[in-house]
Amino acid sequence: MVNSRDDISSLLGPESLSWIYGNLVEFVLGVPAGKAEMGWFRKYGSIFRFRACFGEDRLMISDPAAVKHIFSNPTLFVKSPSHQLINLVGFGTGSLLYAHGDDHRRIRAVMNPMFSASSVRALTPILEKIAQDLSDDWTTASGTVIDMFSSIHRTTLRAITEAVMGYDTTEDKEYTSSYEDLVVTAAQRSKTAIIADAIISRLPSSSTKFLMDHPPPDLRKFLDHRLIARKVSEKLLGTRLETLRLGNEPEKDLFSILVGQNEQMAVRIRMTKDEIKDQFGTITVAGEDTSANTLVWVSYVLAKNPKWQEIIRQEVNAKLASHPGMPLDYDRLPFLNAVIKEVLRFYATVSYTERVSSVDTVLPLSGPIVSSSGKTLTEVRIRKGRTVIISITTYNRLPSIWGEDADEFKPSRWLEGGEVAKGASIGPYANLLSFIGGPRTCIGWRFAILETQMITCELVRKFVLSLPENVSIQPASAITLVPMDSEGKTRLPLHIECLE
């Protein structure tokens, strides 16, 4: 039986700077993102106490055993009330992001074939066309400075809606406008947003219906987007079901795979029509922003390192020359994939995630720690309702996993002879935590990797990327990790030049 008194208050941790905000201002709003928690981890270790709003003690961890335990037990450690409210309002009860327990397992089981390796590889022609269209657009801007951030986001929105959902959003101004409003709202960086999150986390569950019926302005943006996405998904589902009824050849997008797979399932397992419809907004929002910002940071590091661009260029051209007429095998481009993996490690697009303990429980540790009173702990007791922050940023830079040079951006660590991650794998890709882990691992991680590989190859083969003079870029946390200039604007200006 676990004692209801937990160990959090006895752990070491940073001094609170404010009763109202605790340590959240430097953690959430600090630039560069990750500076505060990296400093805390160096001082206090891979598990410690820190303060949230109104004097609340929270636990921050990157300890591998603790992280694995949390992600492997989604019923013991659930998503926070504020995050679930956003998922409910923005995507619906059937959304893979909102569903939990048996419903999540059932929906995930039906959706898994949609994102299998073979299903994702079949999207290569569609993604190649989208990457080609982007490079064509860039050709007209050769010799100038463009905002890479906005350009890439438009492309990844098209990629995920066309390739995954089978819907061309380029002519749907209502949807794209709603989506852009949602992204801006979700990425707000302010003390007000910190307080709002703290208040929502303290509201009783009975208040959810009231907030659904009377949403505040920011929550209204999520609801508006859901209603517009719902109209699109109803149309898409209707056409896919009619195709199956007529026995016609299905479309090549992943949504068609989902609908076909669902029709073959036993009735007790099958997703309802409402659950299928809820996935349109879910997949679009969850997949577009993260993939776009991974591509943004890949472009940033390549622009800073022109020699790396040339290595990838030669790698791609050599592979194409040795296999004329054959499609490019992106997984067999060592340096390209080394850069992508290192970007995912060093610039994880989601820098942290949070969970709340649903019961009194115990958190295992990789090794003993010492409390503020000098007591040695080999596990940490946690009471029901305690919020735990899993720091993806610091896990991806743990010296115990990545070596003493973990704070160095070093693609060579992924090449033959390099020092790769040690220890048991948690995430689905290269032992990185960037796609989370356990039953709630990012379902679209294979699509994200392929999309990043293809667009990077297309751009590096045809353009030289460079940072303009006197441009300073820092990573900032705005739900995902975004580039911020010296004026506090979210953008990545790059000079692009067509290759001869």
Protein backbone atom coordinates (compact mmCIF):
# COMPACT_ATOMS: atom_id res chain seq x y z
CA MET A 1 0.00 0.00 0.00
CA VAL A 2 1.46 3.36 -1.05
CA ASN A 3 1.42 6.06 1.59
CA SER A 4 -0.76 8.99 0.48
CA ARG A 5 2.04 11.39 1.45
CA ASP A 6 4.41 11.57 -1.50
CA ASP A 7 8.09 12.41 -1.74
CA ILE A 8 7.91 15.42 -4.09
CA SER A 9 8.19 18.13 -1.45
CA SER A 10 11.35 16.50 -0.08
CA LEU A 11 13.18 16.55 -3.41
CA LEU A 12 15.76 19.12 -4.41
CA GLY A 13 14.77 21.77 -6.93
CA PRO A 14 15.00 25.44 -7.95
CA GLU A 15 13.74 28.24 -5.76
CA SER A 16 10.35 29.62 -6.79
CA LEU A 17 10.58 33.12 -8.25
CA SER A 18 6.88 33.90 -7.74
CA TRP A 19 3.94 32.43 -5.83
CA ILE A 20 1.68 33.20 -8.78
CA TYR A 21 3.84 31.73 -11.55
CA GLY A 22 6.34 29.58 -9.68
CA ASN A 23 9.12 28.57 -12.08
CA LEU A 24 6.84 28.43 -15.12
CA VAL A 25 7.81 31.77 -16.66
CA GLU A 26 11.45 30.80 -17.17
CA PHE A 27 10.46 27.23 -18.08
CA VAL A 28 7.70 28.00 -20.61
CA LEU A 29 8.67 31.47 -21.89
CA GLY A 30 12.45 31.37 -21.58
CA VAL A 31 14.57 31.93 -24.71
CA PRO A 32 16.37 29.90 -25.83
CA ALA A 33 13.89 27.16 -24.99
CA GLY A 34 15.37 24.49 -22.76
CA LYS A 35 17.92 26.76 -21.06
CA ALA A 36 16.14 26.75 -17.70
CA GLU A 37 15.48 23.02 -17.42
CA MET A 38 18.94 22.11 -18.75
CA GLY A 39 20.44 24.23 -15.98
CA TRP A 40 18.17 22.62 -13.39
CA PHE A 41 19.04 19.11 -14.54
CA ARG A 42 22.76 19.84 -14.35
CA LYS A 43 22.29 21.08 -10.78
CA TYR A 44 19.64 18.71 -9.38
CA GLY A 45 19.82 15.59 -11.56
CA SER A 46 17.32 13.81 -13.79
CA ILE A 47 14.38 14.07 -11.35
CA PHE A 48 13.54 17.05 -9.15
CA ARG A 49 10.79 19.27 -7.74
CA PHE A 50 9.80 22.62 -9.21
CA ARG A 51 6.99 25.09 -8.65
CA ALA A 52 3.97 25.75 -10.83
CA CYS A 53 1.29 28.41 -10.32
CA PHE A 54 -0.08 29.22 -6.86
CA GLY A 55 2.66 27.33 -5.00
CA GLU A 56 1.93 23.91 -6.53
CA ASP A 57 4.81 21.43 -6.40
CA ARG A 58 5.37 19.47 -9.61
CA LEU A 59 7.85 16.79 -10.59
CA MET A 60 10.16 17.20 -13.59
CA ILE A 61 11.91 14.13 -14.93
CA SER A 62 14.18 12.80 -17.64
CA ASP A 63 15.24 9.67 -15.75
CA PRO A 64 14.93 6.83 -18.34
CA ALA A 65 13.33 4.29 -15.97
CA ALA A 66 10.78 6.81 -14.72
CA VAL A 67 9.98 8.05 -18.24
CA LYS A 68 9.51 4.51 -19.53
CA HIS A 69 7.24 3.63 -16.60
CA ILE A 70 5.03 6.67 -17.17
CA PHE A 71 4.65 6.17 -20.93
CA SER A 72 4.08 2.41 -20.50
CA ASN A 73 1.21 2.97 -18.05
CA PRO A 74 -1.23 5.46 -19.59
CA THR A 75 -3.98 4.56 -17.12
CA LEU A 76 -1.75 5.37 -14.13
CA PHE A 77 -0.47 8.58 -15.71
CA VAL A 78 -3.14 10.38 -17.71
CA LYS A 79 -3.14 13.56 -19.75
CA SER A 80 -3.73 16.77 -17.80
CA PRO A 81 -7.27 18.24 -17.56
CA SER A 82 -6.31 21.39 -19.51
CA HIS A 83 -4.83 19.37 -22.38
CA GLN A 84 -7.80 17.03 -22.47
CA LEU A 85 -10.22 19.96 -22.54
CA ILE A 86 -8.44 21.33 -25.61
CA ASN A 87 -8.44 17.88 -27.24
CA LEU A 88 -12.15 17.46 -26.51
CA VAL A 89 -13.17 20.89 -27.78
CA GLY A 90 -10.79 20.93 -30.73
CA PHE A 91 -11.05 17.36 -31.98
CA GLY A 92 -13.93 15.49 -30.32
CA THR A 93 -14.48 12.49 -28.06
CA GLY A 94 -13.42 10.07 -30.81
CA SER A 95 -10.09 11.76 -31.43
CA LEU A 96 -7.02 9.58 -30.93
CA LEU A 97 -5.61 12.45 -28.87
CA TYR A 98 -8.61 12.54 -26.51
CA ALA A 99 -9.70 8.88 -26.29
CA HIS A 100 -8.37 6.89 -23.35
CA GLY A 101 -8.52 3.40 -21.89
CA ASP A 102 -10.27 0.72 -23.93
CA ASP A 103 -11.54 3.26 -26.48
CA HIS A 104 -8.01 4.44 -27.21
CA ARG A 105 -6.73 0.88 -27.62
CA ARG A 106 -9.61 0.00 -29.96
CA ILE A 107 -9.26 3.14 -32.12
CA ARG A 108 -5.48 2.80 -32.26
CA ALA A 109 -5.75 -0.84 -33.36
CA VAL A 110 -7.99 0.12 -36.28
CA MET A 111 -5.76 3.06 -37.27
CA ASN A 112 -2.38 1.28 -37.06
CA PRO A 113 -2.48 -0.18 -40.64
CA MET A 114 -3.12 3.33 -41.93
CA PHE A 115 0.40 4.33 -40.86
CA SER A 116 2.23 1.05 -41.47
CA ALA A 117 5.61 1.14 -43.22
CA SER A 118 4.13 -0.15 -46.50
CA SER A 119 1.19 2.31 -46.41
CA VAL A 120 3.50 5.26 -45.82
CA ARG A 121 6.00 4.19 -48.53
CA ALA A 122 3.14 4.08 -51.04
CA LEU A 123 2.75 7.84 -50.57
CA THR A 124 6.14 8.55 -52.16
CA PRO A 125 4.75 9.77 -55.53
CA ILE A 126 2.35 12.20 -53.84
CA LEU A 127 5.02 13.59 -51.53
CA GLU A 128 7.52 13.88 -54.40
CA LYS A 129 5.01 15.99 -56.33
CA ILE A 130 4.42 18.25 -53.33
CA ALA A 131 8.18 18.67 -52.77
CA GLN A 132 8.65 19.42 -56.48
CA ASP A 133 5.94 22.11 -56.36
CA LEU A 134 7.71 23.72 -53.40
CA SER A 135 11.06 23.83 -55.21
CA ASP A 136 9.33 25.27 -58.30
CA ASP A 137 7.95 28.07 -56.13
CA TRP A 138 11.39 28.70 -54.66
CA THR A 139 12.95 28.89 -58.12
CA THR A 140 11.06 32.11 -58.80
CA ALA A 141 12.51 33.57 -55.58
CA SER A 142 16.12 32.52 -56.27
CA GLY A 143 18.64 35.09 -55.09
CA THR A 144 16.33 36.53 -52.46
CA VAL A 145 15.58 36.03 -48.76
CA ILE A 146 12.38 34.11 -47.96
CA ASP A 147 10.66 33.20 -44.71
CA MET A 148 11.35 29.49 -44.56
CA PHE A 149 8.94 29.10 -41.63
CA SER A 150 5.77 30.13 -43.44
CA SER A 151 6.80 28.48 -46.72
CA ILE A 152 7.39 25.09 -45.13
CA HIS A 153 4.20 25.24 -43.06
CA ARG A 154 2.10 25.75 -46.19
CA THR A 155 3.79 22.74 -47.77
CA THR A 156 3.39 20.38 -44.82
CA LEU A 157 -0.28 21.33 -44.44
CA ARG A 158 -0.77 20.33 -48.06
CA ALA A 159 1.25 17.14 -47.55
CA ILE A 160 -0.76 15.88 -44.62
CA THR A 161 -4.17 16.83 -46.00
CA GLU A 162 -3.52 15.44 -49.49
CA ALA A 163 -1.36 12.39 -48.78
CA VAL A 164 -2.91 11.31 -45.50
CA MET A 165 -6.49 12.54 -45.73
CA GLY A 166 -6.94 12.72 -49.51
CA TYR A 167 -8.15 16.32 -49.45
CA ASP A 168 -6.76 19.30 -51.35
CA THR A 169 -6.95 22.33 -49.04
CA THR A 170 -5.35 24.77 -51.49
CA GLU A 171 -8.75 25.98 -52.70
CA ASP A 172 -10.53 25.67 -49.36
CA LYS A 173 -10.00 29.14 -47.93
CA GLU A 174 -12.43 28.57 -45.06
CA TYR A 175 -10.45 25.57 -43.79
CA THR A 176 -6.97 27.05 -44.25
CA SER A 177 -8.02 30.32 -42.58
CA SER A 178 -9.50 28.42 -39.63
CA TYR A 179 -6.37 26.28 -39.36
CA GLU A 180 -4.06 29.31 -39.36
CA ASP A 181 -6.17 30.97 -36.64
CA LEU A 182 -5.95 27.80 -34.56
CA VAL A 183 -2.16 27.55 -34.89
CA VAL A 184 -1.72 31.20 -33.85
CA THR A 185 -4.02 30.72 -30.85
CA ALA A 186 -2.34 27.51 -29.71
CA ALA A 187 1.13 29.04 -29.92
CA GLN A 188 0.47 32.06 -27.72
CA ARG A 189 3.40 32.80 -25.40
CA SER A 190 2.25 34.85 -22.44
CA LYS A 191 1.87 34.88 -18.68
CA THR A 192 -1.89 35.02 -19.24
CA ALA A 193 -1.76 31.67 -21.04
CA ILE A 194 0.18 30.17 -18.10
CA ILE A 195 -2.47 31.38 -15.63
CA ALA A 196 -5.33 30.18 -17.85
CA ASP A 197 -3.82 26.69 -18.00
CA ALA A 198 -3.44 26.65 -14.21
CA ILE A 199 -7.05 27.70 -13.64
CA ILE A 200 -8.45 25.14 -16.11
CA SER A 201 -6.45 22.39 -14.39
CA ARG A 202 -8.22 23.24 -11.13
CA LEU A 203 -11.78 23.31 -12.46
CA PRO A 204 -14.05 20.38 -11.59
CA SER A 205 -14.84 17.94 -14.42
CA SER A 206 -18.47 19.13 -14.28
CA SER A 207 -17.37 22.47 -15.74
CA THR A 208 -16.41 20.87 -19.08
CA LYS A 209 -19.94 21.05 -20.50
CA PHE A 210 -20.25 24.72 -19.51
CA LEU A 211 -16.97 25.55 -21.26
CA MET A 212 -18.11 23.60 -24.32
CA ASP A 213 -21.35 25.59 -24.45
CA HIS A 214 -19.76 28.93 -23.52
CA PRO A 215 -16.14 28.77 -24.68
CA PRO A 216 -13.84 31.73 -24.02
CA PRO A 217 -12.38 33.38 -27.16
CA ASP A 218 -9.24 31.21 -27.44
CA LEU A 219 -11.17 27.98 -26.85
CA ARG A 220 -13.73 29.19 -29.42
CA LYS A 221 -10.99 29.03 -32.11
CA PHE A 222 -10.56 25.31 -31.35
CA LEU A 223 -14.30 24.72 -31.54
CA ASP A 224 -14.65 26.69 -34.79
CA HIS A 225 -11.87 24.68 -36.40
CA ARG A 226 -13.42 21.41 -35.26
CA LEU A 227 -16.77 22.32 -36.83
CA ILE A 228 -15.12 23.23 -40.15
CA ALA A 229 -12.96 20.09 -40.10
CA ARG A 230 -16.09 18.09 -39.36
CA LYS A 231 -17.74 19.27 -42.58
CA VAL A 232 -14.71 18.20 -44.58
CA SER A 233 -14.47 14.80 -42.88
CA GLU A 234 -18.18 14.09 -43.42
CA LYS A 235 -17.72 14.64 -47.15
CA LEU A 236 -14.56 12.53 -47.27
CA LEU A 237 -16.11 9.66 -45.33
CA GLY A 238 -19.21 9.68 -47.54
CA THR A 239 -17.18 9.39 -50.76
CA ARG A 240 -14.93 6.63 -49.35
CA LEU A 241 -17.90 4.56 -48.18
CA GLU A 242 -19.61 4.99 -51.56
CA THR A 243 -16.44 3.79 -53.31
CA LEU A 244 -16.44 0.65 -51.17
CA ARG A 245 -20.15 0.07 -51.78
CA LEU A 246 -19.67 0.26 -55.54
CA GLY A 247 -16.58 -1.97 -55.42
CA ASN A 248 -14.42 0.68 -57.11
CA GLU A 249 -10.67 1.08 -56.69
CA PRO A 250 -10.03 3.11 -53.50
CA GLU A 251 -7.97 6.31 -53.45
CA LYS A 252 -4.27 6.12 -52.56
CA ASP A 253 -4.48 8.28 -49.42
CA LEU A 254 -4.22 6.87 -45.90
CA PHE A 255 -7.76 7.91 -44.94
CA SER A 256 -9.06 5.47 -47.56
CA ILE A 257 -7.01 2.73 -45.92
CA LEU A 258 -8.57 3.60 -42.55
CA VAL A 259 -12.13 3.47 -43.91
CA GLY A 260 -11.48 0.18 -45.72
CA GLN A 261 -9.77 -1.37 -42.70
CA ASN A 262 -12.61 -0.31 -40.43
CA GLU A 263 -15.24 -1.95 -42.62
CA GLN A 264 -13.41 -5.27 -42.31
CA MET A 265 -13.31 -5.20 -38.49
CA ALA A 266 -15.77 -6.97 -36.22
CA VAL A 267 -18.62 -4.69 -35.16
CA ARG A 268 -17.51 -4.65 -31.50
CA ILE A 269 -14.06 -3.33 -32.52
CA ARG A 270 -15.07 -1.09 -35.41
CA MET A 271 -14.75 2.69 -35.12
CA THR A 272 -18.00 4.62 -35.30
CA LYS A 273 -18.53 7.12 -38.09
CA ASP A 274 -18.16 9.96 -35.58
CA GLU A 275 -14.83 8.54 -34.39
CA ILE A 276 -13.55 8.38 -37.98
CA LYS A 277 -14.67 11.94 -38.63
CA ASP A 278 -12.85 13.17 -35.52
CA GLN A 279 -9.51 12.00 -36.95
CA PHE A 280 -9.36 14.62 -39.73
CA GLY A 281 -8.68 17.54 -37.43
CA THR A 282 -6.62 15.35 -35.10
CA ILE A 283 -4.20 14.11 -37.75
CA THR A 284 -3.93 17.45 -39.53
CA VAL A 285 -3.13 19.52 -36.45
CA ALA A 286 -0.96 16.93 -34.69
CA GLY A 287 1.02 16.08 -37.83
CA GLU A 288 1.45 19.37 -39.67
CA ASP A 289 3.01 21.62 -37.06
CA THR A 290 5.53 19.09 -35.73
CA SER A 291 6.70 17.97 -39.18
CA ALA A 292 6.98 21.55 -40.41
CA ASN A 293 9.13 22.64 -37.51
CA THR A 294 11.40 19.61 -37.87
CA LEU A 295 11.98 20.68 -41.49
CA VAL A 296 12.53 24.26 -40.36
CA TRP A 297 15.29 23.21 -37.94
CA VAL A 298 16.86 20.87 -40.52
CA SER A 299 17.01 23.83 -42.91
CA TYR A 300 18.45 26.06 -40.19
CA VAL A 301 21.35 23.73 -39.34
CA LEU A 302 22.08 23.10 -43.02
CA ALA A 303 22.08 26.84 -43.75
CA LYS A 304 24.67 27.27 -40.99
CA ASN A 305 26.77 24.41 -42.38
CA PRO A 306 27.12 24.61 -46.19
CA LYS A 307 29.52 21.63 -46.20
CA TRP A 308 26.74 19.45 -44.86
CA GLN A 309 24.50 20.54 -47.73
CA GLU A 310 27.18 19.44 -50.19
CA ILE A 311 27.59 16.05 -48.50
CA ILE A 312 23.85 15.38 -48.79
CA ARG A 313 23.84 16.63 -52.38
CA GLN A 314 26.64 14.26 -53.35
CA GLU A 315 25.03 11.41 -51.41
CA VAL A 316 21.71 11.80 -53.23
CA ASN A 317 23.22 12.29 -56.69
CA ALA A 318 25.51 9.27 -56.27
CA LYS A 319 22.59 7.06 -55.30
CA LEU A 320 20.51 8.26 -58.26
CA ALA A 321 23.43 7.71 -60.66
CA SER A 322 24.09 4.18 -59.40
CA HIS A 323 20.43 3.18 -59.73
CA PRO A 324 19.13 4.99 -62.83
CA GLY A 325 15.39 4.88 -63.25
CA MET A 326 14.89 3.48 -59.74
CA PRO A 327 13.09 5.37 -56.96
CA LEU A 328 15.36 6.84 -54.33
CA ASP A 329 15.65 4.79 -51.12
CA TYR A 330 15.74 7.59 -48.58
CA ASP A 331 16.64 5.27 -45.70
CA ARG A 332 19.94 4.46 -47.44
CA LEU A 333 21.27 8.02 -47.33
CA PRO A 334 23.46 7.92 -44.18
CA PHE A 335 24.38 11.57 -43.77
CA LEU A 336 20.88 12.86 -44.59
CA ASN A 337 19.43 10.60 -41.90
CA ALA A 338 22.20 11.49 -39.45
CA VAL A 339 21.28 15.17 -39.76
CA ILE A 340 17.55 14.44 -39.36
CA LYS A 341 18.11 12.28 -36.28
CA GLU A 342 20.37 14.88 -34.71
CA VAL A 343 17.78 17.61 -35.36
CA LEU A 344 15.09 15.46 -33.75
CA ARG A 345 17.42 14.95 -30.77
CA PHE A 346 18.68 18.52 -30.40
CA TYR A 347 15.57 20.43 -31.54
CA ALA A 348 12.74 18.14 -30.45
CA THR A 349 9.62 19.86 -31.79
CA VAL A 350 7.69 19.09 -28.59
CA SER A 351 10.11 19.91 -25.78
CA TYR A 352 8.05 18.46 -22.94
CA THR A 353 4.79 16.72 -22.14
CA GLU A 354 2.87 16.37 -18.90
CA ARG A 355 0.91 13.64 -17.16
CA VAL A 356 -1.17 13.48 -13.96
CA SER A 357 -1.10 10.48 -11.62
CA SER A 358 -4.56 8.90 -11.46
CA VAL A 359 -3.79 6.96 -8.24
CA ASP A 360 -1.25 6.94 -5.43
CA THR A 361 1.71 5.18 -7.00
CA VAL A 362 5.48 4.72 -7.04
CA LEU A 363 7.88 5.88 -9.73
CA PRO A 364 10.97 3.67 -10.32
CA LEU A 365 14.36 5.30 -10.87
CA SER A 366 17.40 4.35 -12.93
CA GLY A 367 19.59 5.02 -9.91
CA PRO A 368 19.37 6.35 -6.35
CA ILE A 369 18.90 10.05 -5.64
CA VAL A 370 19.35 12.08 -2.46
CA SER A 371 16.50 14.15 -1.02
CA SER A 372 16.84 17.63 0.48
CA SER A 373 17.11 16.01 3.94
CA GLY A 374 19.95 13.73 2.82
CA LYS A 375 17.81 10.58 2.56
CA THR A 376 18.65 8.18 -0.28
CA LEU A 377 15.68 7.29 -2.50
CA THR A 378 15.56 4.39 -4.99
CA GLU A 379 11.98 5.21 -5.98
CA VAL A 380 9.68 8.21 -5.61
CA ARG A 381 6.22 8.03 -4.09
CA ILE A 382 3.58 10.10 -5.90
CA ARG A 383 0.10 10.90 -4.66
CA LYS A 384 -3.00 10.89 -6.81
CA GLY A 385 -3.42 14.13 -8.77
CA ARG A 386 0.27 15.04 -8.91
CA THR A 387 1.42 16.64 -12.18
CA VAL A 388 4.60 15.22 -13.72
CA ILE A 389 6.52 17.01 -16.48
CA ILE A 390 8.52 14.74 -18.80
CA SER A 391 11.32 16.82 -20.28
CA ILE A 392 11.94 15.55 -23.81
CA THR A 393 14.64 18.17 -24.30
CA THR A 394 16.76 16.94 -21.42
CA TYR A 395 16.15 13.23 -22.02
CA ASN A 396 17.45 13.71 -25.56
CA ARG A 397 20.62 15.26 -24.10
CA LEU A 398 21.33 12.93 -21.17
CA PRO A 399 25.07 12.18 -21.08
CA SER A 400 24.23 8.72 -19.69
CA ILE A 401 22.47 7.93 -22.99
CA TRP A 402 24.18 10.11 -25.61
CA GLY A 403 27.68 10.48 -24.20
CA GLU A 404 29.66 13.35 -22.74
CA ASP A 405 29.20 15.37 -25.95
CA ALA A 406 25.39 15.24 -25.62
CA ASP A 407 25.17 19.07 -25.59
CA GLU A 408 26.94 19.25 -28.96
CA PHE A 409 25.07 19.15 -32.28
CA LYS A 410 26.96 16.31 -33.93
CA PRO A 411 25.44 14.33 -36.85
CA SER A 412 28.52 12.07 -36.95
CA ARG A 413 27.31 10.33 -33.77
CA TRP A 414 24.78 8.54 -35.99
CA LEU A 415 27.26 7.38 -38.62
CA GLU A 416 29.20 4.12 -38.66
CA GLY A 417 31.78 4.21 -35.90
CA GLY A 418 29.92 6.96 -34.05
CA GLU A 419 28.58 6.66 -30.52
CA VAL A 420 24.84 6.12 -30.59
CA ALA A 421 22.35 5.93 -27.71
CA LYS A 422 22.92 3.52 -24.84
CA GLY A 423 20.24 1.79 -22.81
CA ALA A 424 16.79 0.37 -23.45
CA SER A 425 14.79 2.07 -26.19
CA ILE A 426 11.74 4.10 -25.22
CA GLY A 427 10.75 5.95 -28.41
CA PRO A 428 9.99 4.25 -31.75
CA TYR A 429 12.83 5.89 -33.68
CA ALA A 430 16.54 5.88 -32.80
CA ASN A 431 15.82 5.78 -29.03
CA LEU A 432 14.73 9.41 -29.27
CA LEU A 433 11.87 10.63 -27.11
CA SER A 434 10.76 13.07 -29.80
CA PHE A 435 7.80 10.84 -30.83
CA ILE A 436 6.97 9.96 -27.19
CA GLY A 437 6.75 6.22 -26.38
CA GLY A 438 4.48 3.46 -25.13
CA PRO A 439 0.83 2.99 -26.20
CA ARG A 440 0.55 6.71 -27.03
CA THR A 441 3.58 6.83 -29.33
CA CYS A 442 3.01 9.24 -32.22
CA ILE A 443 1.11 7.09 -34.72
CA GLY A 444 2.37 9.06 -37.72
CA TRP A 445 6.11 9.01 -36.98
CA ARG A 446 6.96 7.05 -40.16
CA PHE A 447 5.12 9.61 -42.28
CA ALA A 448 6.94 12.46 -40.52
CA ILE A 449 10.34 10.90 -41.23
CA LEU A 450 9.60 10.20 -44.91
CA GLU A 451 8.19 13.70 -45.44
CA THR A 452 11.28 15.26 -43.86
CA GLN A 453 13.63 13.09 -45.92
CA MET A 454 11.93 13.84 -49.23
CA ILE A 455 11.49 17.59 -48.85
CA THR A 456 15.04 18.03 -47.54
CA CYS A 457 16.49 16.06 -50.47
CA GLU A 458 14.49 18.05 -53.00
CA LEU A 459 15.55 21.43 -51.60
CA VAL A 460 19.22 20.63 -50.99
CA ARG A 461 19.65 19.13 -54.46
CA LYS A 462 18.38 22.30 -56.11
CA PHE A 463 19.28 25.17 -53.78
CA VAL A 464 22.05 26.56 -51.64
CA LEU A 465 20.67 27.72 -48.29
CA SER A 466 22.34 30.37 -46.15
CA LEU A 467 21.51 32.62 -43.22
CA PRO A 468 21.42 36.34 -44.05
CA GLU A 469 23.96 38.53 -42.29
CA ASN A 470 23.05 39.89 -38.86
CA VAL A 471 20.19 37.40 -38.40
CA SER A 472 20.08 35.76 -34.98
CA ILE A 473 17.71 32.82 -34.41
CA GLN A 474 16.87 31.18 -31.09
CA PRO A 475 14.54 28.24 -30.37
CA ALA A 476 11.36 29.20 -28.49
CA SER A 477 8.62 27.00 -27.10
CA ALA A 478 5.18 27.80 -28.53
CA ILE A 479 3.52 24.38 -28.06
CA THR A 480 6.11 23.23 -30.60
CA LEU A 481 9.68 24.48 -30.95
CA VAL A 482 9.75 27.49 -33.27
CA PRO A 483 12.52 29.81 -34.53
CA MET A 484 12.45 33.29 -33.01
CA ASP A 485 14.46 36.28 -34.20
CA SER A 486 16.00 39.04 -32.10
CA GLU A 487 12.75 41.05 -32.29
CA GLY A 488 10.69 38.19 -30.88
CA LYS A 489 9.09 37.31 -34.23
CA THR A 490 8.49 33.70 -35.22
CA ARG A 491 10.26 33.31 -38.56
CA LEU A 492 13.32 31.84 -40.27
CA PRO A 493 14.70 34.13 -42.99
CA LEU A 494 16.94 32.18 -45.40
CA HIS A 495 18.76 33.26 -48.52
CA ILE A 496 18.10 30.75 -51.33
CA GLU A 497 20.09 30.39 -54.51
CA CYS A 498 19.35 27.98 -57.37
CA LEU A 499 22.19 25.62 -58.23
CA GLU A 500 23.41 25.73 -61.81
